[in-house]
Amino acid sequence: MTPIPIDDPGDPRLDAYTRMRERDLVGREGRFIAEGEVVLRVLLSGRARFRVESVLLSPERLPGLAPALAGLDAPVYLASRAVMGAVAGFPIHRGVLALGLRGAEPSPDALVPPGPALLVGLVGLANHDNVGGIFRNAAAFGADAVLLDAGTCDPLYRKAIRVSAGTSLTVPFARLPTGDALLDLCTRQALTPLALSPRGEAITTLPPLPRALLLLGTEGPGLPEALMARARRVAIPMAPGVDSLNVAVAGAVALHRLGGGRLAEA
């Protein structure tokens, strides 16, 4: 790995980074932007599901990252923070960016393991912070994969990756067209669909479920009634006067309850 100095923000080798301004690179050109040291180290690790196309660093960040970059078969560009800021269109305080390659997305059914299974299904989640937080929770509590409907934002959006602490680069995910398609998958794969609802049975009394998919919807309206009618409704007991949590927090509580046995066996 021999770093390549760049002092011109108009250098064509940085074109993809410049296009970060155009609502990020997600969904275009099969690329995504990773930002920050934590995320870059995950992307460089053997746990990541994606390849690195290039890395862009401020010079002072190179010494600490050099061991992780050793053997990388991709260019590493060095540019001052002023140049990086001009390229990205905003100040790059961390001085660490990378370009990743998405590759082919797996089939949703292929992500369901044949034995015990715990998956998360996201319906209509348009907030990148929540999606990133849910991926971090899925990784922490041993979920096998995350399935997203068409209305859920891309987990490879730069902010979602950062909030996930890089786990959206490691936790398998795939997209289905609708929430109904998620439930159809549950039928095909013998998964018990669980929908969080204040009117459901207490999740603390739920018996062990060897194969389950936890459905999470938007914080305001929540999951559509038609979807909840096809699922088993479960509730997180809370103090009087409080009937809801942030969706990422609620997902963490539910996944801890559902995946606790897996963690004890790990």
Protein backbone atom coordinates (compact mmCIF):
# COMPACT_ATOMS: atom_id res chain seq x y z
CA MET A 1 0.00 0.00 0.00
CA THR A 2 1.65 3.20 -1.21
CA PRO A 3 -0.43 6.33 -0.46
CA ILE A 4 -1.12 8.68 -3.36
CA PRO A 5 -1.05 12.41 -2.48
CA ILE A 6 -3.75 14.57 -4.08
CA ASP A 7 -3.88 18.37 -3.71
CA ASP A 8 -6.54 19.26 -6.27
CA PRO A 9 -10.21 18.74 -5.29
CA GLY A 10 -10.99 18.54 -9.01
CA ASP A 11 -8.75 15.51 -9.51
CA PRO A 12 -10.83 13.00 -11.53
CA ARG A 13 -9.71 10.17 -9.26
CA LEU A 14 -11.93 11.74 -6.58
CA ASP A 15 -15.01 12.11 -8.79
CA ALA A 16 -17.02 9.53 -6.86
CA TYR A 17 -16.31 11.30 -3.58
CA THR A 18 -17.39 14.60 -5.13
CA ARG A 19 -20.76 13.06 -5.99
CA MET A 20 -21.43 12.55 -2.28
CA ARG A 21 -23.20 15.91 -2.55
CA GLU A 22 -25.89 14.36 -4.76
CA ARG A 23 -27.76 12.70 -1.88
CA ASP A 24 -24.93 10.26 -1.41
CA LEU A 25 -24.03 7.43 -3.77
CA VAL A 26 -26.58 4.89 -2.56
CA GLY A 27 -28.64 3.34 -5.30
CA ARG A 28 -26.28 4.58 -8.03
CA GLU A 29 -23.23 3.04 -9.64
CA GLY A 30 -23.16 0.16 -7.16
CA ARG A 31 -21.11 2.21 -4.69
CA PHE A 32 -21.45 3.68 -1.22
CA ILE A 33 -19.48 6.03 1.02
CA ALA A 34 -18.06 4.94 4.38
CA GLU A 35 -17.05 7.65 6.85
CA GLY A 36 -14.95 7.56 10.02
CA GLU A 37 -12.29 5.30 11.46
CA VAL A 38 -14.65 2.85 13.16
CA VAL A 39 -16.56 2.24 9.93
CA LEU A 40 -13.40 2.01 7.82
CA ARG A 41 -11.89 -0.61 10.13
CA VAL A 42 -15.06 -2.69 9.80
CA LEU A 43 -15.00 -2.31 6.01
CA LEU A 44 -11.37 -3.45 5.93
CA SER A 45 -12.05 -6.42 8.19
CA GLY A 46 -12.90 -9.95 7.18
CA ARG A 47 -16.40 -9.45 8.62
CA ALA A 48 -17.46 -6.94 5.95
CA ARG A 49 -19.66 -8.17 3.11
CA PHE A 50 -18.38 -5.55 0.68
CA ARG A 51 -15.15 -4.65 -1.11
CA VAL A 52 -13.20 -1.41 -0.96
CA GLU A 53 -12.71 0.57 -4.17
CA SER A 54 -10.55 3.31 -2.64
CA VAL A 55 -9.74 5.14 0.59
CA LEU A 56 -9.38 8.91 1.10
CA LEU A 57 -7.54 10.10 4.22
CA SER A 58 -6.12 13.27 5.66
CA PRO A 59 -2.35 12.71 6.13
CA GLU A 60 -2.45 12.76 9.93
CA ARG A 61 -4.83 9.78 9.96
CA LEU A 62 -2.51 7.51 7.97
CA PRO A 63 -0.08 6.39 10.74
CA GLY A 64 -2.83 5.01 12.97
CA LEU A 65 -4.59 3.25 10.09
CA ALA A 66 -1.54 1.97 8.22
CA PRO A 67 -1.60 -1.51 9.83
CA ALA A 68 -5.27 -1.98 8.87
CA LEU A 69 -4.55 -0.78 5.33
CA ALA A 70 -1.58 -3.10 4.83
CA GLY A 71 -2.25 -5.47 1.95
CA LEU A 72 -5.27 -3.54 0.70
CA ASP A 73 -5.67 -4.03 -3.05
CA ALA A 74 -7.13 -0.57 -3.66
CA PRO A 75 -5.69 2.95 -3.89
CA VAL A 76 -5.28 5.04 -0.75
CA TYR A 77 -5.42 8.77 -1.48
CA LEU A 78 -4.06 11.42 0.89
CA ALA A 79 -5.54 14.92 0.85
CA SER A 80 -5.64 17.77 3.32
CA ARG A 81 -8.87 18.31 5.23
CA ALA A 82 -9.43 21.47 3.19
CA VAL A 83 -9.25 19.46 -0.02
CA MET A 84 -11.46 16.73 1.45
CA GLY A 85 -14.01 19.35 2.51
CA ALA A 86 -14.00 20.89 -0.96
CA VAL A 87 -14.53 17.46 -2.50
CA ALA A 88 -17.37 16.43 -0.18
CA GLY A 89 -19.04 19.82 0.10
CA PHE A 90 -18.92 19.83 3.90
CA PRO A 91 -16.13 19.75 6.53
CA ILE A 92 -14.69 16.25 6.98
CA HIS A 93 -13.78 16.45 10.66
CA ARG A 94 -12.76 12.80 10.93
CA GLY A 95 -10.49 12.88 7.89
CA VAL A 96 -11.48 9.34 6.90
CA LEU A 97 -13.57 8.37 3.87
CA ALA A 98 -13.76 5.23 1.75
CA LEU A 99 -15.60 4.11 -1.34
CA GLY A 100 -17.24 0.68 -1.12
CA LEU A 101 -18.70 -1.60 -3.80
CA ARG A 102 -22.15 -3.04 -3.15
CA GLY A 103 -22.02 -6.14 -5.33
CA ALA A 104 -25.10 -8.27 -5.94
CA GLU A 105 -27.81 -8.24 -3.29
CA PRO A 106 -28.73 -11.69 -1.94
CA SER A 107 -32.15 -13.26 -2.27
CA PRO A 108 -34.28 -12.65 0.87
CA ASP A 109 -35.09 -16.37 1.18
CA ALA A 110 -31.40 -17.23 1.00
CA LEU A 111 -30.79 -15.24 4.19
CA VAL A 112 -33.09 -17.43 6.28
CA PRO A 113 -31.08 -20.23 7.94
CA PRO A 114 -32.53 -23.76 7.90
CA GLY A 115 -32.52 -24.25 11.68
CA PRO A 116 -33.10 -21.71 14.45
CA ALA A 117 -33.64 -18.30 12.89
CA LEU A 118 -34.13 -14.73 14.07
CA LEU A 119 -34.65 -11.98 11.51
CA VAL A 120 -35.75 -8.36 11.58
CA GLY A 121 -38.23 -6.92 9.08
CA LEU A 122 -38.40 -3.15 8.54
CA VAL A 123 -41.52 -1.58 7.07
CA GLY A 124 -41.52 2.06 5.94
CA LEU A 125 -38.58 3.26 8.05
CA ALA A 126 -37.31 6.40 6.32
CA ASN A 127 -35.07 7.66 9.17
CA HIS A 128 -31.40 6.79 8.63
CA ASP A 129 -30.57 7.07 12.34
CA ASN A 130 -33.24 4.52 13.23
CA VAL A 131 -32.22 2.11 10.48
CA GLY A 132 -28.56 2.38 11.49
CA GLY A 133 -29.47 1.84 15.14
CA ILE A 134 -31.55 -1.23 14.31
CA PHE A 135 -28.67 -2.78 12.38
CA ARG A 136 -26.40 -2.23 15.38
CA ASN A 137 -29.00 -3.91 17.60
CA ALA A 138 -29.40 -6.79 15.15
CA ALA A 139 -25.67 -7.41 15.29
CA ALA A 140 -25.54 -7.08 19.08
CA PHE A 141 -28.35 -9.55 19.74
CA GLY A 142 -27.51 -12.18 17.16
CA ALA A 143 -30.09 -11.62 14.41
CA ASP A 144 -29.33 -13.57 11.25
CA ALA A 145 -30.40 -10.86 8.80
CA VAL A 146 -32.48 -7.73 8.24
CA LEU A 147 -35.18 -7.61 5.55
CA LEU A 148 -36.43 -4.26 4.27
CA ASP A 149 -39.51 -3.22 2.33
CA ALA A 150 -39.31 -0.74 -0.56
CA GLY A 151 -40.24 2.19 1.71
CA THR A 152 -37.31 1.69 4.09
CA CYS A 153 -34.20 3.78 3.51
CA ASP A 154 -30.93 2.27 2.35
CA PRO A 155 -28.73 0.89 5.18
CA LEU A 156 -25.70 1.78 3.05
CA TYR A 157 -26.49 5.49 3.17
CA ARG A 158 -23.46 7.18 4.72
CA LYS A 159 -25.25 8.30 7.90
CA ALA A 160 -26.96 4.94 8.41
CA ILE A 161 -23.59 3.17 8.19
CA ARG A 162 -22.06 5.59 10.68
CA VAL A 163 -24.91 5.25 13.21
CA SER A 164 -24.75 1.46 12.85
CA ALA A 165 -21.05 1.59 13.87
CA GLY A 166 -20.34 -0.29 10.65
CA THR A 167 -22.68 -3.21 11.36
CA SER A 168 -24.75 -2.50 8.23
CA LEU A 169 -21.60 -3.65 6.43
CA THR A 170 -21.61 -6.99 8.26
CA VAL A 171 -25.25 -7.95 8.94
CA PRO A 172 -26.80 -9.54 5.82
CA PHE A 173 -29.79 -7.69 4.38
CA ALA A 174 -32.10 -7.87 1.39
CA ARG A 175 -35.11 -5.97 0.14
CA LEU A 176 -38.67 -7.07 -0.61
CA PRO A 177 -41.31 -4.90 -2.31
CA THR A 178 -43.88 -4.70 0.52
CA GLY A 179 -44.67 -5.63 4.09
CA ASP A 180 -47.02 -8.28 2.75
CA ALA A 181 -44.08 -9.82 0.91
CA LEU A 182 -42.27 -10.05 4.25
CA LEU A 183 -45.17 -11.99 5.70
CA ASP A 184 -45.37 -14.21 2.62
CA LEU A 185 -41.70 -15.05 3.24
CA CYS A 186 -42.60 -15.97 6.83
CA THR A 187 -45.15 -18.44 5.47
CA ARG A 188 -42.65 -19.97 3.03
CA GLN A 189 -39.90 -20.22 5.64
CA ALA A 190 -42.03 -21.25 8.66
CA LEU A 191 -41.13 -18.08 10.57
CA THR A 192 -43.39 -16.68 13.29
CA PRO A 193 -44.01 -13.00 12.47
CA LEU A 194 -44.02 -10.79 15.56
CA ALA A 195 -45.45 -7.26 15.50
CA LEU A 196 -44.76 -4.85 18.35
CA SER A 197 -48.01 -3.25 19.53
CA PRO A 198 -49.19 -1.73 22.84
CA ARG A 199 -52.16 -4.10 22.57
CA GLY A 200 -50.11 -7.28 22.24
CA GLU A 201 -49.19 -9.99 24.72
CA ALA A 202 -46.25 -9.17 26.99
CA ILE A 203 -43.00 -10.09 25.27
CA THR A 204 -41.59 -11.06 28.67
CA THR A 205 -43.99 -14.02 28.81
CA LEU A 206 -43.45 -15.12 25.23
CA PRO A 207 -42.40 -18.78 24.95
CA PRO A 208 -39.19 -19.58 23.06
CA LEU A 209 -39.68 -19.19 19.31
CA PRO A 210 -37.09 -21.12 17.32
CA ARG A 211 -37.90 -19.33 14.06
CA ALA A 212 -39.13 -15.73 14.20
CA LEU A 213 -39.17 -12.46 12.29
CA LEU A 214 -39.57 -9.25 14.30
CA LEU A 215 -41.49 -6.59 12.36
CA LEU A 216 -40.71 -2.93 13.07
CA GLY A 217 -42.59 0.02 11.60
CA THR A 218 -42.46 3.80 11.71
CA GLU A 219 -42.63 5.56 15.07
CA GLY A 220 -45.76 7.56 14.28
CA PRO A 221 -48.39 5.30 12.73
CA GLY A 222 -46.42 2.11 13.42
CA LEU A 223 -47.10 -1.02 11.43
CA PRO A 224 -50.19 -1.09 9.20
CA GLU A 225 -53.15 -2.80 10.85
CA ALA A 226 -53.43 -5.24 7.95
CA LEU A 227 -49.88 -6.46 8.59
CA MET A 228 -50.38 -6.75 12.34
CA ALA A 229 -53.51 -8.82 11.68
CA ARG A 230 -51.29 -11.42 10.00
CA ALA A 231 -48.71 -11.43 12.83
CA ARG A 232 -48.50 -12.28 16.50
CA ARG A 233 -48.78 -9.01 18.44
CA VAL A 234 -46.36 -8.53 21.30
CA ALA A 235 -45.94 -5.60 23.69
CA ILE A 236 -43.06 -4.31 25.80
CA PRO A 237 -44.41 -3.67 29.34
CA MET A 238 -43.87 -0.05 30.34
CA ALA A 239 -44.76 2.32 33.17
CA PRO A 240 -48.27 3.81 33.17
CA GLY A 241 -48.63 6.82 30.89
CA VAL A 242 -45.96 5.65 28.45
CA ASP A 243 -47.01 3.44 25.57
CA SER A 244 -44.18 3.70 23.05
CA LEU A 245 -40.42 3.85 22.56
CA ASN A 246 -38.12 4.99 19.81
CA VAL A 247 -38.27 2.22 17.21
CA ALA A 248 -34.57 1.39 17.52
CA VAL A 249 -34.87 1.19 21.32
CA ALA A 250 -37.99 -0.97 21.09
CA GLY A 251 -36.21 -3.21 18.61
CA ALA A 252 -33.26 -3.58 20.97
CA VAL A 253 -35.50 -4.61 23.89
CA ALA A 254 -37.39 -7.11 21.73
CA LEU A 255 -34.25 -8.57 20.15
CA HIS A 256 -32.63 -8.98 23.57
CA ARG A 257 -35.67 -10.96 24.69
CA LEU A 258 -35.89 -13.03 21.51
CA GLY A 259 -32.16 -13.60 21.05
CA GLY A 260 -31.10 -14.02 24.66
CA GLY A 261 -30.83 -17.79 24.43
CA ARG A 262 -28.61 -17.50 21.36
CA LEU A 263 -26.23 -15.16 23.15
CA ALA A 264 -25.99 -17.49 26.15
CA GLU A 265 -25.05 -20.36 23.82
CA ALA A 266 -22.47 -18.36 21.88
